[in-house]
Amino acid sequence: MKVIRSRQDIEMDFMRACKQSEELMEISSGLVKLAGSGLEDTMLLLRRSYRGSLADLFYKKADRIKEELMEDAEELSRVAGAIYSMANLVYESEMKALLTLG
């Protein structure tokens, strides 16, 4: 026997998933800003006074960190999109079942 969920339960679950997706997108945007202008401004200030072989190693590591932050931001964005897409598919399927069977 299949249990049909209420319209309210379906809508609440969809709204929760959308909220989670939005939160991940906000985190992703924050990482992009941090890796972009935030880190870049700091590195420009450091480059003015911190020089030498150790400084070069530091800057290379900072560049790798920047790349990793951007990759993480892209991955979070993909996850957020997947959450939204799946939530939308589930929502549409459950609403269709509710209308058909309910």
PDB file of N, CA and C in Angstrom:
ATOM      1  N   MET A   1       0.839  -1.177   0.000  1.00  0.00           N
ATOM      2  CA  MET A   1       0.000   0.000   0.000  1.00  0.00           C
ATOM      3  C   MET A   1       0.888   1.246   0.000  1.00  0.00           C
ATOM      4  N   LYS A   2       0.631   2.123  -0.940  1.00  0.00           N
ATOM      5  CA  LYS A   2       1.408   3.361  -1.041  1.00  0.00           C
ATOM      6  C   LYS A   2       0.760   4.437  -0.179  1.00  0.00           C
ATOM      7  N   VAL A   3       1.618   5.173   0.492  1.00  0.00           N
ATOM      8  CA  VAL A   3       1.141   6.287   1.307  1.00  0.00           C
ATOM      9  C   VAL A   3       1.302   7.560   0.490  1.00  0.00           C
ATOM     10  N   ILE A   4       0.225   8.276   0.359  1.00  0.00           N
ATOM     11  CA  ILE A   4       0.270   9.546  -0.358  1.00  0.00           C
ATOM     12  C   ILE A   4       0.513  10.649   0.665  1.00  0.00           C
ATOM     13  N   ARG A   5       1.544  11.422   0.401  1.00  0.00           N
ATOM     14  CA  ARG A   5       1.870  12.523   1.308  1.00  0.00           C
ATOM     15  C   ARG A   5       0.954  13.699   1.042  1.00  0.00           C
ATOM     16  N   SER A   6       0.814  14.513   2.038  1.00  0.00           N
ATOM     17  CA  SER A   6      -0.053  15.685   1.877  1.00  0.00           C
ATOM     18  C   SER A   6       0.643  16.742   1.033  1.00  0.00           C
ATOM     19  N   ARG A   7      -0.162  17.604   0.442  1.00  0.00           N
ATOM     20  CA  ARG A   7       0.360  18.718  -0.345  1.00  0.00           C
ATOM     21  C   ARG A   7       1.291  19.568   0.520  1.00  0.00           C
ATOM     22  N   GLN A   8       0.911  19.786   1.762  1.00  0.00           N
ATOM     23  CA  GLN A   8       1.728  20.602   2.660  1.00  0.00           C
ATOM     24  C   GLN A   8       3.093  19.952   2.896  1.00  0.00           C
ATOM     25  N   ASP A   9       3.134  18.633   3.122  1.00  0.00           N
ATOM     26  CA  ASP A   9       4.409  17.949   3.320  1.00  0.00           C
ATOM     27  C   ASP A   9       5.290  18.037   2.076  1.00  0.00           C
ATOM     28  N   ILE A  10       4.686  17.854   0.929  1.00  0.00           N
ATOM     29  CA  ILE A  10       5.431  17.924  -0.330  1.00  0.00           C
ATOM     30  C   ILE A  10       6.006  19.327  -0.520  1.00  0.00           C
ATOM     31  N   GLU A  11       5.207  20.330  -0.291  1.00  0.00           N
ATOM     32  CA  GLU A  11       5.668  21.711  -0.467  1.00  0.00           C
ATOM     33  C   GLU A  11       6.730  22.086   0.564  1.00  0.00           C
ATOM     34  N   MET A  12       6.573  21.613   1.793  1.00  0.00           N
ATOM     35  CA  MET A  12       7.568  21.917   2.834  1.00  0.00           C
ATOM     36  C   MET A  12       8.917  21.276   2.486  1.00  0.00           C
ATOM     37  N   ASP A  13       8.894  20.040   2.046  1.00  0.00           N
ATOM     38  CA  ASP A  13      10.144  19.380   1.675  1.00  0.00           C
ATOM     39  C   ASP A  13      10.806  20.083   0.485  1.00  0.00           C
ATOM     40  N   PHE A  14      10.011  20.495  -0.468  1.00  0.00           N
ATOM     41  CA  PHE A  14      10.547  21.213  -1.624  1.00  0.00           C
ATOM     42  C   PHE A  14      11.167  22.536  -1.190  1.00  0.00           C
ATOM     43  N   MET A  15      10.479  23.253  -0.315  1.00  0.00           N
ATOM     44  CA  MET A  15      10.997  24.541   0.168  1.00  0.00           C
ATOM     45  C   MET A  15      12.298  24.344   0.946  1.00  0.00           C
ATOM     46  N   ARG A  16      12.373  23.282   1.757  1.00  0.00           N
ATOM     47  CA  ARG A  16      13.615  23.005   2.502  1.00  0.00           C
ATOM     48  C   ARG A  16      14.775  22.721   1.541  1.00  0.00           C
ATOM     49  N   ALA A  17      14.505  21.918   0.535  1.00  0.00           N
ATOM     50  CA  ALA A  17      15.553  21.601  -0.437  1.00  0.00           C
ATOM     51  C   ALA A  17      15.989  22.858  -1.194  1.00  0.00           C
ATOM     52  N   CYS A  18      15.046  23.692  -1.568  1.00  0.00           N
ATOM     53  CA  CYS A  18      15.383  24.941  -2.258  1.00  0.00           C
ATOM     54  C   CYS A  18      16.219  25.849  -1.365  1.00  0.00           C
ATOM     55  N   LYS A  19      15.859  25.915  -0.096  1.00  0.00           N
ATOM     56  CA  LYS A  19      16.618  26.737   0.851  1.00  0.00           C
ATOM     57  C   LYS A  19      18.049  26.219   0.990  1.00  0.00           C
ATOM     58  N   GLN A  20      18.191  24.898   1.078  1.00  0.00           N
ATOM     59  CA  GLN A  20      19.520  24.314   1.172  1.00  0.00           C
ATOM     60  C   GLN A  20      20.335  24.622  -0.088  1.00  0.00           C
ATOM     61  N   SER A  21      19.696  24.526  -1.234  1.00  0.00           N
ATOM     62  CA  SER A  21      20.356  24.837  -2.500  1.00  0.00           C
ATOM     63  C   SER A  21      20.806  26.300  -2.513  1.00  0.00           C
ATOM     64  N   GLU A  22      19.938  27.204  -2.073  1.00  0.00           N
ATOM     65  CA  GLU A  22      20.279  28.631  -2.023  1.00  0.00           C
ATOM     66  C   GLU A  22      21.451  28.889  -1.074  1.00  0.00           C
ATOM     67  N   GLU A  23      21.446  28.219   0.067  1.00  0.00           N
ATOM     68  CA  GLU A  23      22.532  28.401   1.032  1.00  0.00           C
ATOM     69  C   GLU A  23      23.861  27.947   0.448  1.00  0.00           C
ATOM     70  N   LEU A  24      23.860  26.827  -0.262  1.00  0.00           N
ATOM     71  CA  LEU A  24      25.083  26.356  -0.904  1.00  0.00           C
ATOM     72  C   LEU A  24      25.558  27.332  -1.984  1.00  0.00           C
ATOM     73  N   MET A  25      24.614  27.918  -2.708  1.00  0.00           N
ATOM     74  CA  MET A  25      24.987  28.904  -3.724  1.00  0.00           C
ATOM     75  C   MET A  25      25.601  30.148  -3.077  1.00  0.00           C
ATOM     76  N   GLU A  26      25.073  30.547  -1.931  1.00  0.00           N
ATOM     77  CA  GLU A  26      25.640  31.695  -1.218  1.00  0.00           C
ATOM     78  C   GLU A  26      27.057  31.389  -0.735  1.00  0.00           C
ATOM     79  N   ILE A  27      27.268  30.192  -0.226  1.00  0.00           N
ATOM     80  CA  ILE A  27      28.609  29.797   0.209  1.00  0.00           C
ATOM     81  C   ILE A  27      29.550  29.781  -0.982  1.00  0.00           C
ATOM     82  N   SER A  28      29.078  29.248  -2.095  1.00  0.00           N
ATOM     83  CA  SER A  28      29.875  29.214  -3.319  1.00  0.00           C
ATOM     84  C   SER A  28      30.266  30.628  -3.750  1.00  0.00           C
ATOM     85  N   SER A  29      29.315  31.545  -3.724  1.00  0.00           N
ATOM     86  CA  SER A  29      29.601  32.936  -4.089  1.00  0.00           C
ATOM     87  C   SER A  29      30.620  33.554  -3.149  1.00  0.00           C
ATOM     88  N   GLY A  30      30.494  33.243  -1.867  1.00  0.00           N
ATOM     89  CA  GLY A  30      31.457  33.750  -0.894  1.00  0.00           C
ATOM     90  C   GLY A  30      32.859  33.242  -1.160  1.00  0.00           C
ATOM     91  N   LEU A  31      32.970  31.967  -1.528  1.00  0.00           N
ATOM     92  CA  LEU A  31      34.284  31.413  -1.857  1.00  0.00           C
ATOM     93  C   LEU A  31      34.870  32.067  -3.098  1.00  0.00           C
ATOM     94  N   VAL A  32      34.037  32.334  -4.077  1.00  0.00           N
ATOM     95  CA  VAL A  32      34.512  32.997  -5.295  1.00  0.00           C
ATOM     96  C   VAL A  32      35.035  34.391  -4.953  1.00  0.00           C
ATOM     97  N   LYS A  33      34.302  35.112  -4.119  1.00  0.00           N
ATOM     98  CA  LYS A  33      34.749  36.452  -3.716  1.00  0.00           C
ATOM     99  C   LYS A  33      36.051  36.377  -2.935  1.00  0.00           C
ATOM    100  N   LEU A  34      36.131  35.410  -2.017  1.00  0.00           N
ATOM    101  CA  LEU A  34      37.337  35.244  -1.215  1.00  0.00           C
ATOM    102  C   LEU A  34      38.529  34.901  -2.092  1.00  0.00           C
ATOM    103  N   ALA A  35      38.346  33.962  -3.000  1.00  0.00           N
ATOM    104  CA  ALA A  35      39.434  33.548  -3.877  1.00  0.00           C
ATOM    105  C   ALA A  35      39.772  34.627  -4.891  1.00  0.00           C
ATOM    106  N   GLY A  36      38.807  35.425  -5.225  1.00  0.00           N
ATOM    107  CA  GLY A  36      39.035  36.486  -6.206  1.00  0.00           C
ATOM    108  C   GLY A  36      39.616  37.719  -5.577  1.00  0.00           C
ATOM    109  N   SER A  37      38.799  38.708  -5.411  1.00  0.00           N
ATOM    110  CA  SER A  37      39.282  40.017  -4.963  1.00  0.00           C
ATOM    111  C   SER A  37      39.839  39.995  -3.543  1.00  0.00           C
ATOM    112  N   GLY A  38      39.236  39.238  -2.644  1.00  0.00           N
ATOM    113  CA  GLY A  38      39.716  39.223  -1.259  1.00  0.00           C
ATOM    114  C   GLY A  38      41.146  38.738  -1.136  1.00  0.00           C
ATOM    115  N   LEU A  39      41.427  37.601  -1.711  1.00  0.00           N
ATOM    116  CA  LEU A  39      42.778  37.036  -1.649  1.00  0.00           C
ATOM    117  C   LEU A  39      43.738  37.833  -2.523  1.00  0.00           C
ATOM    118  N   GLU A  40      43.260  38.270  -3.654  1.00  0.00           N
ATOM    119  CA  GLU A  40      44.109  39.014  -4.585  1.00  0.00           C
ATOM    120  C   GLU A  40      44.591  40.330  -3.968  1.00  0.00           C
ATOM    121  N   ASP A  41      43.715  41.051  -3.311  1.00  0.00           N
ATOM    122  CA  ASP A  41      44.106  42.312  -2.657  1.00  0.00           C
ATOM    123  C   ASP A  41      45.170  42.063  -1.593  1.00  0.00           C
ATOM    124  N   THR A  42      44.971  41.026  -0.811  1.00  0.00           N
ATOM    125  CA  THR A  42      45.936  40.701   0.237  1.00  0.00           C
ATOM    126  C   THR A  42      47.286  40.332  -0.372  1.00  0.00           C
ATOM    127  N   MET A  43      47.252  39.543  -1.429  1.00  0.00           N
ATOM    128  CA  MET A  43      48.499  39.125  -2.067  1.00  0.00           C
ATOM    129  C   MET A  43      49.238  40.317  -2.682  1.00  0.00           C
ATOM    130  N   LEU A  44      48.508  41.257  -3.234  1.00  0.00           N
ATOM    131  CA  LEU A  44      49.154  42.455  -3.794  1.00  0.00           C
ATOM    132  C   LEU A  44      49.882  43.238  -2.703  1.00  0.00           C
ATOM    133  N   LEU A  45      49.254  43.366  -1.552  1.00  0.00           N
ATOM    134  CA  LEU A  45      49.899  44.062  -0.438  1.00  0.00           C
ATOM    135  C   LEU A  45      51.163  43.332   0.020  1.00  0.00           C
ATOM    136  N   LEU A  46      51.075  42.019   0.101  1.00  0.00           N
ATOM    137  CA  LEU A  46      52.241  41.237   0.517  1.00  0.00           C
ATOM    138  C   LEU A  46      53.380  41.320  -0.494  1.00  0.00           C
ATOM    139  N   ARG A  47      53.049  41.275  -1.770  1.00  0.00           N
ATOM    140  CA  ARG A  47      54.081  41.282  -2.813  1.00  0.00           C
ATOM    141  C   ARG A  47      54.901  42.574  -2.795  1.00  0.00           C
ATOM    142  N   ARG A  48      54.332  43.625  -2.285  1.00  0.00           N
ATOM    143  CA  ARG A  48      55.061  44.902  -2.227  1.00  0.00           C
ATOM    144  C   ARG A  48      56.246  44.841  -1.266  1.00  0.00           C
ATOM    145  N   SER A  49      56.130  44.026  -0.210  1.00  0.00           N
ATOM    146  CA  SER A  49      57.194  44.031   0.784  1.00  0.00           C
ATOM    147  C   SER A  49      57.834  42.665   1.037  1.00  0.00           C
ATOM    148  N   TYR A  50      57.174  41.602   0.713  1.00  0.00           N
ATOM    149  CA  TYR A  50      57.684  40.260   1.002  1.00  0.00           C
ATOM    150  C   TYR A  50      58.263  39.673  -0.274  1.00  0.00           C
ATOM    151  N   ARG A  51      59.610  39.576  -0.325  1.00  0.00           N
ATOM    152  CA  ARG A  51      60.289  39.116  -1.529  1.00  0.00           C
ATOM    153  C   ARG A  51      61.330  38.064  -1.172  1.00  0.00           C
ATOM    154  N   GLY A  52      61.785  37.362  -2.184  1.00  0.00           N
ATOM    155  CA  GLY A  52      62.820  36.352  -2.001  1.00  0.00           C
ATOM    156  C   GLY A  52      62.300  34.965  -2.329  1.00  0.00           C
ATOM    157  N   SER A  53      63.179  33.963  -2.143  1.00  0.00           N
ATOM    158  CA  SER A  53      62.828  32.596  -2.523  1.00  0.00           C
ATOM    159  C   SER A  53      61.688  32.035  -1.678  1.00  0.00           C
ATOM    160  N   LEU A  54      61.696  32.338  -0.398  1.00  0.00           N
ATOM    161  CA  LEU A  54      60.592  31.867   0.458  1.00  0.00           C
ATOM    162  C   LEU A  54      59.285  32.559   0.093  1.00  0.00           C
ATOM    163  N   ALA A  55      59.396  33.805  -0.288  1.00  0.00           N
ATOM    164  CA  ALA A  55      58.199  34.538  -0.715  1.00  0.00           C
ATOM    165  C   ALA A  55      57.620  33.908  -1.975  1.00  0.00           C
ATOM    166  N   ASP A  56      58.487  33.516  -2.887  1.00  0.00           N
ATOM    167  CA  ASP A  56      58.007  32.882  -4.123  1.00  0.00           C
ATOM    168  C   ASP A  56      57.272  31.583  -3.818  1.00  0.00           C
ATOM    169  N   LEU A  57      57.801  30.795  -2.895  1.00  0.00           N
ATOM    170  CA  LEU A  57      57.129  29.556  -2.489  1.00  0.00           C
ATOM    171  C   LEU A  57      55.771  29.860  -1.863  1.00  0.00           C
ATOM    172  N   PHE A  58      55.744  30.886  -1.047  1.00  0.00           N
ATOM    173  CA  PHE A  58      54.502  31.298  -0.401  1.00  0.00           C
ATOM    174  C   PHE A  58      53.462  31.709  -1.444  1.00  0.00           C
ATOM    175  N   TYR A  59      53.873  32.480  -2.429  1.00  0.00           N
ATOM    176  CA  TYR A  59      52.944  32.952  -3.461  1.00  0.00           C
ATOM    177  C   TYR A  59      52.434  31.796  -4.323  1.00  0.00           C
ATOM    178  N   LYS A  60      53.318  30.826  -4.609  1.00  0.00           N
ATOM    179  CA  LYS A  60      52.876  29.656  -5.367  1.00  0.00           C
ATOM    180  C   LYS A  60      51.827  28.869  -4.583  1.00  0.00           C
ATOM    181  N   LYS A  61      52.065  28.720  -3.286  1.00  0.00           N
ATOM    182  CA  LYS A  61      51.098  28.008  -2.449  1.00  0.00           C
ATOM    183  C   LYS A  61      49.790  28.795  -2.380  1.00  0.00           C
ATOM    184  N   ALA A  62      49.864  30.105  -2.275  1.00  0.00           N
ATOM    185  CA  ALA A  62      48.662  30.941  -2.251  1.00  0.00           C
ATOM    186  C   ALA A  62      47.883  30.799  -3.557  1.00  0.00           C
ATOM    187  N   ASP A  63      48.590  30.711  -4.675  1.00  0.00           N
ATOM    188  CA  ASP A  63      47.925  30.511  -5.968  1.00  0.00           C
ATOM    189  C   ASP A  63      47.212  29.163  -6.009  1.00  0.00           C
ATOM    190  N   ARG A  64      47.854  28.122  -5.458  1.00  0.00           N
ATOM    191  CA  ARG A  64      47.207  26.801  -5.409  1.00  0.00           C
ATOM    192  C   ARG A  64      45.958  26.841  -4.541  1.00  0.00           C
ATOM    193  N   ILE A  65      46.051  27.537  -3.427  1.00  0.00           N
ATOM    194  CA  ILE A  65      44.889  27.663  -2.537  1.00  0.00           C
ATOM    195  C   ILE A  65      43.759  28.389  -3.249  1.00  0.00           C
ATOM    196  N   LYS A  66      44.111  29.432  -3.984  1.00  0.00           N
ATOM    197  CA  LYS A  66      43.103  30.179  -4.748  1.00  0.00           C
ATOM    198  C   LYS A  66      42.406  29.264  -5.751  1.00  0.00           C
ATOM    199  N   GLU A  67      43.191  28.452  -6.463  1.00  0.00           N
ATOM    200  CA  GLU A  67      42.614  27.515  -7.427  1.00  0.00           C
ATOM    201  C   GLU A  67      41.698  26.499  -6.730  1.00  0.00           C
ATOM    202  N   GLU A  68      42.142  26.003  -5.582  1.00  0.00           N
ATOM    203  CA  GLU A  68      41.332  25.032  -4.841  1.00  0.00           C
ATOM    204  C   GLU A  68      40.019  25.655  -4.365  1.00  0.00           C
ATOM    205  N   LEU A  69      40.087  26.900  -3.908  1.00  0.00           N
ATOM    206  CA  LEU A  69      38.865  27.594  -3.491  1.00  0.00           C
ATOM    207  C   LEU A  69      37.894  27.742  -4.656  1.00  0.00           C
ATOM    208  N   MET A  70      38.423  28.078  -5.817  1.00  0.00           N
ATOM    209  CA  MET A  70      37.564  28.221  -6.998  1.00  0.00           C
ATOM    210  C   MET A  70      36.950  26.876  -7.396  1.00  0.00           C
ATOM    211  N   GLU A  71      37.748  25.816  -7.326  1.00  0.00           N
ATOM    212  CA  GLU A  71      37.230  24.479  -7.635  1.00  0.00           C
ATOM    213  C   GLU A  71      36.150  24.072  -6.636  1.00  0.00           C
ATOM    214  N   ASP A  72      36.390  24.357  -5.364  1.00  0.00           N
ATOM    215  CA  ASP A  72      35.391  24.047  -4.337  1.00  0.00           C
ATOM    216  C   ASP A  72      34.105  24.833  -4.568  1.00  0.00           C
ATOM    217  N   ALA A  73      34.258  26.089  -4.947  1.00  0.00           N
ATOM    218  CA  ALA A  73      33.084  26.921  -5.225  1.00  0.00           C
ATOM    219  C   ALA A  73      32.292  26.359  -6.400  1.00  0.00           C
ATOM    220  N   GLU A  74      32.994  25.926  -7.436  1.00  0.00           N
ATOM    221  CA  GLU A  74      32.315  25.329  -8.593  1.00  0.00           C
ATOM    222  C   GLU A  74      31.591  24.048  -8.198  1.00  0.00           C
ATOM    223  N   GLU A  75      32.239  23.231  -7.375  1.00  0.00           N
ATOM    224  CA  GLU A  75      31.619  21.981  -6.932  1.00  0.00           C
ATOM    225  C   GLU A  75      30.376  22.255  -6.083  1.00  0.00           C
ATOM    226  N   LEU A  76      30.462  23.223  -5.185  1.00  0.00           N
ATOM    227  CA  LEU A  76      29.287  23.585  -4.387  1.00  0.00           C
ATOM    228  C   LEU A  76      28.150  24.072  -5.273  1.00  0.00           C
ATOM    229  N   SER A  77      28.499  24.828  -6.292  1.00  0.00           N
ATOM    230  CA  SER A  77      27.484  25.309  -7.224  1.00  0.00           C
ATOM    231  C   SER A  77      26.825  24.143  -7.952  1.00  0.00           C
ATOM    232  N   ARG A  78      27.627  23.160  -8.379  1.00  0.00           N
ATOM    233  CA  ARG A  78      27.071  21.977  -9.045  1.00  0.00           C
ATOM    234  C   ARG A  78      26.164  21.189  -8.096  1.00  0.00           C
ATOM    235  N   VAL A  79      26.598  21.033  -6.851  1.00  0.00           N
ATOM    236  CA  VAL A  79      25.787  20.311  -5.861  1.00  0.00           C
ATOM    237  C   VAL A  79      24.474  21.051  -5.618  1.00  0.00           C
ATOM    238  N   ALA A  80      24.551  22.357  -5.493  1.00  0.00           N
ATOM    239  CA  ALA A  80      23.337  23.156  -5.290  1.00  0.00           C
ATOM    240  C   ALA A  80      22.374  22.981  -6.448  1.00  0.00           C
ATOM    241  N   GLY A  81      22.905  22.998  -7.656  1.00  0.00           N
ATOM    242  CA  GLY A  81      22.067  22.794  -8.831  1.00  0.00           C
ATOM    243  C   GLY A  81      21.447  21.406  -8.856  1.00  0.00           C
ATOM    244  N   ALA A  82      22.220  20.412  -8.461  1.00  0.00           N
ATOM    245  CA  ALA A  82      21.706  19.039  -8.432  1.00  0.00           C
ATOM    246  C   ALA A  82      20.612  18.891  -7.379  1.00  0.00           C
ATOM    247  N   ILE A  83      20.813  19.508  -6.220  1.00  0.00           N
ATOM    248  CA  ILE A  83      19.789  19.453  -5.166  1.00  0.00           C
ATOM    249  C   ILE A  83      18.495  20.076  -5.667  1.00  0.00           C
ATOM    250  N   TYR A  84      18.618  21.231  -6.299  1.00  0.00           N
ATOM    251  CA  TYR A  84      17.417  21.894  -6.804  1.00  0.00           C
ATOM    252  C   TYR A  84      16.728  21.054  -7.878  1.00  0.00           C
ATOM    253  N   SER A  85      17.511  20.531  -8.809  1.00  0.00           N
ATOM    254  CA  SER A  85      16.934  19.723  -9.890  1.00  0.00           C
ATOM    255  C   SER A  85      16.213  18.494  -9.349  1.00  0.00           C
ATOM    256  N   MET A  86      16.863  17.801  -8.420  1.00  0.00           N
ATOM    257  CA  MET A  86      16.244  16.603  -7.845  1.00  0.00           C
ATOM    258  C   MET A  86      14.997  16.974  -7.039  1.00  0.00           C
ATOM    259  N   ALA A  87      15.083  18.042  -6.279  1.00  0.00           N
ATOM    260  CA  ALA A  87      13.925  18.474  -5.491  1.00  0.00           C
ATOM    261  C   ALA A  87      12.753  18.813  -6.409  1.00  0.00           C
ATOM    262  N   ASN A  88      13.053  19.465  -7.517  1.00  0.00           N
ATOM    263  CA  ASN A  88      12.009  19.836  -8.465  1.00  0.00           C
ATOM    264  C   ASN A  88      11.374  18.591  -9.093  1.00  0.00           C
ATOM    265  N   LEU A  89      12.201  17.612  -9.460  1.00  0.00           N
ATOM    266  CA  LEU A  89      11.679  16.369 -10.027  1.00  0.00           C
ATOM    267  C   LEU A  89      10.787  15.633  -9.026  1.00  0.00           C
ATOM    268  N   VAL A  90      11.260  15.548  -7.782  1.00  0.00           N
ATOM    269  CA  VAL A  90      10.474  14.873  -6.740  1.00  0.00           C
ATOM    270  C   VAL A  90       9.176  15.624  -6.492  1.00  0.00           C
ATOM    271  N   TYR A  91       9.274  16.935  -6.415  1.00  0.00           N
ATOM    272  CA  TYR A  91       8.086  17.759  -6.186  1.00  0.00           C
ATOM    273  C   TYR A  91       7.051  17.527  -7.281  1.00  0.00           C
ATOM    274  N   GLU A  92       7.494  17.626  -8.524  1.00  0.00           N
ATOM    275  CA  GLU A  92       6.561  17.443  -9.637  1.00  0.00           C
ATOM    276  C   GLU A  92       5.953  16.044  -9.644  1.00  0.00           C
ATOM    277  N   SER A  93       6.773  15.036  -9.362  1.00  0.00           N
ATOM    278  CA  SER A  93       6.272  13.652  -9.336  1.00  0.00           C
ATOM    279  C   SER A  93       5.267  13.440  -8.215  1.00  0.00           C
ATOM    280  N   GLU A  94       5.581  13.961  -7.042  1.00  0.00           N
ATOM    281  CA  GLU A  94       4.682  13.780  -5.906  1.00  0.00           C
ATOM    282  C   GLU A  94       3.386  14.564  -6.094  1.00  0.00           C
ATOM    283  N   MET A  95       3.484  15.737  -6.653  1.00  0.00           N
ATOM    284  CA  MET A  95       2.253  16.517  -6.902  1.00  0.00           C
ATOM    285  C   MET A  95       1.390  15.832  -7.958  1.00  0.00           C
ATOM    286  N   LYS A  96       2.027  15.280  -8.966  1.00  0.00           N
ATOM    287  CA  LYS A  96       1.276  14.561  -9.991  1.00  0.00           C
ATOM    288  C   LYS A  96       0.588  13.337  -9.375  1.00  0.00           C
ATOM    289  N   ALA A  97       1.321  12.606  -8.533  1.00  0.00           N
ATOM    290  CA  ALA A  97       0.741  11.433  -7.877  1.00  0.00           C
ATOM    291  C   ALA A  97      -0.411  11.852  -6.954  1.00  0.00           C
ATOM    292  N   LEU A  98      -0.229  12.951  -6.269  1.00  0.00           N
ATOM    293  CA  LEU A  98      -1.272  13.449  -5.361  1.00  0.00           C
ATOM    294  C   LEU A  98      -2.539  13.768  -6.134  1.00  0.00           C
ATOM    295  N   LEU A  99      -2.395  14.432  -7.258  1.00  0.00           N
ATOM    296  CA  LEU A  99      -3.546  14.787  -8.088  1.00  0.00           C
ATOM    297  C   LEU A  99      -4.188  13.562  -8.742  1.00  0.00           C
ATOM    298  N   THR A 100      -3.341  12.633  -9.143  1.00  0.00           N
ATOM    299  CA  THR A 100      -3.839  11.438  -9.828  1.00  0.00           C
ATOM    300  C   THR A 100      -4.503  10.452  -8.869  1.00  0.00           C
ATOM    301  N   LEU A 101      -3.827  10.209  -7.742  1.00  0.00           N
ATOM    302  CA  LEU A 101      -4.303   9.192  -6.795  1.00  0.00           C
ATOM    303  C   LEU A 101      -5.152   9.758  -5.665  1.00  0.00           C
ATOM    304  N   GLY A 102      -4.941  11.040  -5.404  1.00  0.00           N
ATOM    305  CA  GLY A 102      -5.621  11.643  -4.250  1.00  0.00           C
ATOM    306  C   GLY A 102      -6.992  12.043  -4.582  1.00  0.00           C
TER     307      GLY A 102
END
